[in-house]
Structure formats: structure tokens, C-alpha cells
Amino acid sequence: MKVTLDWVGDLNFVGKNSKRQRVMFGGEGDYVSPMENLLMSAGACASIDVVMILEKARQNITGCHCEIEADRADEPPRRFTGINFHFVVNGKDLSPKHVKKAIDLSVEKYCSVMHSLDPNMPIKTSFDIVPV
């Protein structure tokens, strides 16, 4: 895997991958900060896992929304000290047992972004099921 970052002025950068897809980053202003991007990446990774696991379990999932809140240290490097993931999963006749298992498997085994973070950092999860 290889990516590049180019400074585009002020504290803004454009990131590109080998497919030439782009992401804008900013230290101030209009773009997502690197730390916000890290949280979104963890949420996206976990959400992909949850959807894939529920589909493999033949659960009738129609939507997945992930809300993420994180605490940060007060002093530099201001790393994350705890993250809370709340999933809202939509579907027909979804099993709470299957939803919980999908989330647990993502956090404990599959989410590579999460496993790239401090292994001692507390991670909490919760979920709601919205029937459709």
C-alpha cells in the first residue's frame, strides 16, 4: 500500500492513493482533520465488517449508521484515550444476538484500523436496531 500527501496551501493537504483517488486534509479551515479522519476510518472499517458479517449470517440488513465519540489526551501528542462506537442498524427481523456478535467480531478480530490503534485504549460499543 502506498499513498502520497501534497501541501496545497495554508495547513491543507491532498492525499492520493495508487488509484489516484483523493482525500483532503486540513489543520484548520474547510477540511477534515487527520484525527477526525482516523475516527471516520475506524468507523468505516468497523461498519464494513458489521455489514459483511450480518449479510453472511443472512440477516436482512438495509442500513448501517455509526456514531463515534472519542476522548483525547490534554497534552501532546493528544492521542485518543478512549473511543465509543454506537451503531444504528436497520433491517427486517434483525437478531440482536447477530448484531452484537458482528460488532464484537469487528472490534476484537477484523477491523484493521482499530487494531492499528493503541491496544490498551478502551473501546466501547453499543447499538440500536431500527426495524423496517
C-alpha atoms as a PDB file:
ATOM      1  CA  MET A   1       0.000   0.000   0.000  1.00  0.00           C
ATOM      2  CA  LYS A   2       1.322   3.421  -0.918  1.00  0.00           C
ATOM      3  CA  VAL A   3      -0.195   6.876  -0.564  1.00  0.00           C
ATOM      4  CA  THR A   4       1.109  10.409  -1.040  1.00  0.00           C
ATOM      5  CA  LEU A   5       0.320  13.778   0.516  1.00  0.00           C
ATOM      6  CA  ASP A   6       0.852  17.158  -1.128  1.00  0.00           C
ATOM      7  CA  TRP A   7       0.636  20.529   0.556  1.00  0.00           C
ATOM      8  CA  VAL A   8      -1.913  22.770  -1.186  1.00  0.00           C
ATOM      9  CA  GLY A   9      -1.619  25.896   0.965  1.00  0.00           C
ATOM     10  CA  ASP A  10      -2.294  27.053   4.499  1.00  0.00           C
ATOM     11  CA  LEU A  11      -2.386  23.834   6.552  1.00  0.00           C
ATOM     12  CA  ASN A  12      -4.233  21.864   3.860  1.00  0.00           C
ATOM     13  CA  PHE A  13      -3.059  18.717   2.097  1.00  0.00           C
ATOM     14  CA  VAL A  14      -4.408  16.419  -0.572  1.00  0.00           C
ATOM     15  CA  GLY A  15      -3.819  12.710  -0.106  1.00  0.00           C
ATOM     16  CA  LYS A  16      -3.781  10.353  -3.075  1.00  0.00           C
ATOM     17  CA  ASN A  17      -3.649   6.585  -3.346  1.00  0.00           C
ATOM     18  CA  SER A  18      -2.319   4.445  -6.187  1.00  0.00           C
ATOM     19  CA  LYS A  19      -5.754   4.585  -7.881  1.00  0.00           C
ATOM     20  CA  ARG A  20      -5.459   8.399  -7.912  1.00  0.00           C
ATOM     21  CA  GLN A  21      -8.415   8.757  -5.531  1.00  0.00           C
ATOM     22  CA  ARG A  22      -8.158  11.867  -3.369  1.00  0.00           C
ATOM     23  CA  VAL A  23      -8.878  12.949   0.191  1.00  0.00           C
ATOM     24  CA  MET A  24      -8.478  16.475   1.529  1.00  0.00           C
ATOM     25  CA  PHE A  25      -6.959  17.041   4.978  1.00  0.00           C
ATOM     26  CA  GLY A  26      -6.737  20.250   6.932  1.00  0.00           C
ATOM     27  CA  GLY A  27      -5.130  21.505  10.085  1.00  0.00           C
ATOM     28  CA  GLU A  28      -7.614  24.385  10.070  1.00  0.00           C
ATOM     29  CA  GLY A  29     -10.493  25.524   7.924  1.00  0.00           C
ATOM     30  CA  ASP A  30     -12.647  23.598   5.500  1.00  0.00           C
ATOM     31  CA  TYR A  31     -11.220  20.083   5.540  1.00  0.00           C
ATOM     32  CA  VAL A  32     -11.351  17.097   7.870  1.00  0.00           C
ATOM     33  CA  SER A  33      -8.511  16.972  10.394  1.00  0.00           C
ATOM     34  CA  PRO A  34      -6.215  13.922  10.400  1.00  0.00           C
ATOM     35  CA  MET A  35      -7.605  12.840  13.805  1.00  0.00           C
ATOM     36  CA  GLU A  36     -11.210  13.131  12.582  1.00  0.00           C
ATOM     37  CA  ASN A  37     -10.208  11.158   9.510  1.00  0.00           C
ATOM     38  CA  LEU A  38      -8.724   8.446  11.737  1.00  0.00           C
ATOM     39  CA  LEU A  39     -12.020   8.187  13.658  1.00  0.00           C
ATOM     40  CA  MET A  40     -14.000   8.061  10.404  1.00  0.00           C
ATOM     41  CA  SER A  41     -11.641   5.404   9.069  1.00  0.00           C
ATOM     42  CA  ALA A  42     -12.121   3.261  12.183  1.00  0.00           C
ATOM     43  CA  GLY A  43     -15.888   3.677  11.915  1.00  0.00           C
ATOM     44  CA  ALA A  44     -15.889   2.870   8.201  1.00  0.00           C
ATOM     45  CA  CYS A  45     -13.730  -0.216   8.739  1.00  0.00           C
ATOM     46  CA  ALA A  46     -15.961  -1.475  11.568  1.00  0.00           C
ATOM     47  CA  SER A  47     -19.152  -0.667   9.638  1.00  0.00           C
ATOM     48  CA  ILE A  48     -17.935  -2.598   6.594  1.00  0.00           C
ATOM     49  CA  ASP A  49     -17.213  -5.569   8.860  1.00  0.00           C
ATOM     50  CA  VAL A  50     -20.634  -5.355  10.523  1.00  0.00           C
ATOM     51  CA  VAL A  51     -22.486  -5.246   7.198  1.00  0.00           C
ATOM     52  CA  MET A  52     -20.434  -8.123   5.735  1.00  0.00           C
ATOM     53  CA  ILE A  53     -20.851 -10.307   8.834  1.00  0.00           C
ATOM     54  CA  LEU A  54     -24.604  -9.682   9.042  1.00  0.00           C
ATOM     55  CA  GLU A  55     -25.039 -10.405   5.331  1.00  0.00           C
ATOM     56  CA  LYS A  56     -23.093 -13.675   5.714  1.00  0.00           C
ATOM     57  CA  ALA A  57     -25.389 -14.538   8.636  1.00  0.00           C
ATOM     58  CA  ARG A  58     -28.304 -13.996   6.240  1.00  0.00           C
ATOM     59  CA  GLN A  59     -29.654 -11.108   8.269  1.00  0.00           C
ATOM     60  CA  ASN A  60     -31.894  -8.751   6.283  1.00  0.00           C
ATOM     61  CA  ILE A  61     -29.864  -5.560   6.880  1.00  0.00           C
ATOM     62  CA  THR A  62     -30.913  -2.442   4.968  1.00  0.00           C
ATOM     63  CA  GLY A  63     -28.851   0.262   6.668  1.00  0.00           C
ATOM     64  CA  CYS A  64     -25.943   0.889   8.994  1.00  0.00           C
ATOM     65  CA  HIS A  65     -25.091   4.192  10.686  1.00  0.00           C
ATOM     66  CA  CYS A  66     -22.109   4.578  13.006  1.00  0.00           C
ATOM     67  CA  GLU A  67     -21.662   7.400  15.511  1.00  0.00           C
ATOM     68  CA  ILE A  68     -18.218   7.725  17.054  1.00  0.00           C
ATOM     69  CA  GLU A  69     -17.081   9.787  20.021  1.00  0.00           C
ATOM     70  CA  ALA A  70     -13.522   9.899  21.256  1.00  0.00           C
ATOM     71  CA  ASP A  71     -11.620  11.347  24.174  1.00  0.00           C
ATOM     72  CA  ARG A  72      -8.160  12.805  23.673  1.00  0.00           C
ATOM     73  CA  ALA A  73      -5.258  13.475  25.998  1.00  0.00           C
ATOM     74  CA  ASP A  74      -4.829  17.124  27.026  1.00  0.00           C
ATOM     75  CA  GLU A  75      -1.090  17.181  26.333  1.00  0.00           C
ATOM     76  CA  PRO A  76       0.779  16.465  23.075  1.00  0.00           C
ATOM     77  CA  PRO A  77       0.721  14.173  21.237  1.00  0.00           C
ATOM     78  CA  ARG A  78      -3.005  14.370  22.194  1.00  0.00           C
ATOM     79  CA  ARG A  79      -3.636  10.757  21.280  1.00  0.00           C
ATOM     80  CA  PHE A  80      -7.028   9.136  21.649  1.00  0.00           C
ATOM     81  CA  THR A  81      -7.586   7.829  25.176  1.00  0.00           C
ATOM     82  CA  GLY A  82     -10.935   6.136  24.556  1.00  0.00           C
ATOM     83  CA  ILE A  83     -13.408   5.621  21.724  1.00  0.00           C
ATOM     84  CA  ASN A  84     -17.136   4.852  21.788  1.00  0.00           C
ATOM     85  CA  PHE A  85     -18.840   3.384  18.714  1.00  0.00           C
ATOM     86  CA  HIS A  86     -22.629   3.423  18.514  1.00  0.00           C
ATOM     87  CA  PHE A  87     -24.188   1.542  15.611  1.00  0.00           C
ATOM     88  CA  VAL A  88     -27.733   2.047  14.368  1.00  0.00           C
ATOM     89  CA  VAL A  89     -28.600  -0.936  12.210  1.00  0.00           C
ATOM     90  CA  ASN A  90     -31.731  -1.020  10.078  1.00  0.00           C
ATOM     91  CA  GLY A  91     -33.341  -4.170   8.786  1.00  0.00           C
ATOM     92  CA  LYS A  92     -36.171  -6.631   8.845  1.00  0.00           C
ATOM     93  CA  ASP A  93     -36.285  -9.140  11.699  1.00  0.00           C
ATOM     94  CA  LEU A  94     -32.676  -8.454  12.725  1.00  0.00           C
ATOM     95  CA  SER A  95     -31.418 -10.596  15.579  1.00  0.00           C
ATOM     96  CA  PRO A  96     -29.845  -8.561  18.436  1.00  0.00           C
ATOM     97  CA  LYS A  97     -27.581 -11.559  19.071  1.00  0.00           C
ATOM     98  CA  HIS A  98     -26.267 -11.440  15.492  1.00  0.00           C
ATOM     99  CA  VAL A  99     -25.798  -7.653  15.564  1.00  0.00           C
ATOM    100  CA  LYS A 100     -23.849  -7.820  18.824  1.00  0.00           C
ATOM    101  CA  LYS A 101     -21.712 -10.676  17.510  1.00  0.00           C
ATOM    102  CA  ALA A 102     -20.951  -8.784  14.277  1.00  0.00           C
ATOM    103  CA  ILE A 103     -19.834  -5.697  16.227  1.00  0.00           C
ATOM    104  CA  ASP A 104     -17.767  -7.757  18.671  1.00  0.00           C
ATOM    105  CA  LEU A 105     -16.056  -9.651  15.838  1.00  0.00           C
ATOM    106  CA  SER A 106     -15.163  -6.404  14.116  1.00  0.00           C
ATOM    107  CA  VAL A 107     -13.700  -4.806  17.243  1.00  0.00           C
ATOM    108  CA  GLU A 108     -11.951  -7.908  18.563  1.00  0.00           C
ATOM    109  CA  LYS A 109     -10.755  -9.565  15.360  1.00  0.00           C
ATOM    110  CA  TYR A 110     -11.315  -7.962  11.962  1.00  0.00           C
ATOM    111  CA  CYS A 111     -11.090  -4.148  11.937  1.00  0.00           C
ATOM    112  CA  SER A 112      -7.515  -3.452  10.838  1.00  0.00           C
ATOM    113  CA  VAL A 113      -7.832   0.279  11.537  1.00  0.00           C
ATOM    114  CA  MET A 114      -8.897  -0.349  15.122  1.00  0.00           C
ATOM    115  CA  HIS A 115      -6.123  -2.879  15.591  1.00  0.00           C
ATOM    116  CA  SER A 116      -3.628  -0.259  14.417  1.00  0.00           C
ATOM    117  CA  LEU A 117      -4.504   1.922  17.426  1.00  0.00           C
ATOM    118  CA  ASP A 118      -3.158   1.582  20.983  1.00  0.00           C
ATOM    119  CA  PRO A 119      -4.224  -1.917  22.115  1.00  0.00           C
ATOM    120  CA  ASN A 120      -4.657  -0.686  25.708  1.00  0.00           C
ATOM    121  CA  MET A 121      -7.065   2.094  24.747  1.00  0.00           C
ATOM    122  CA  PRO A 122     -10.623   1.439  25.969  1.00  0.00           C
ATOM    123  CA  ILE A 123     -13.126   0.866  23.164  1.00  0.00           C
ATOM    124  CA  LYS A 124     -16.826   0.750  23.960  1.00  0.00           C
ATOM    125  CA  THR A 125     -19.625  -0.276  21.638  1.00  0.00           C
ATOM    126  CA  SER A 126     -23.389  -0.054  21.687  1.00  0.00           C
ATOM    127  CA  PHE A 127     -26.146  -0.482  19.137  1.00  0.00           C
ATOM    128  CA  ASP A 128     -29.767   0.109  18.324  1.00  0.00           C
ATOM    129  CA  ILE A 129     -31.832  -1.861  15.847  1.00  0.00           C
ATOM    130  CA  VAL A 130     -34.393   0.005  13.761  1.00  0.00           C
ATOM    131  CA  PRO A 131     -36.944  -2.367  12.204  1.00  0.00           C
ATOM    132  CA  VAL A 132     -38.078  -1.604   8.662  1.00  0.00           C
END
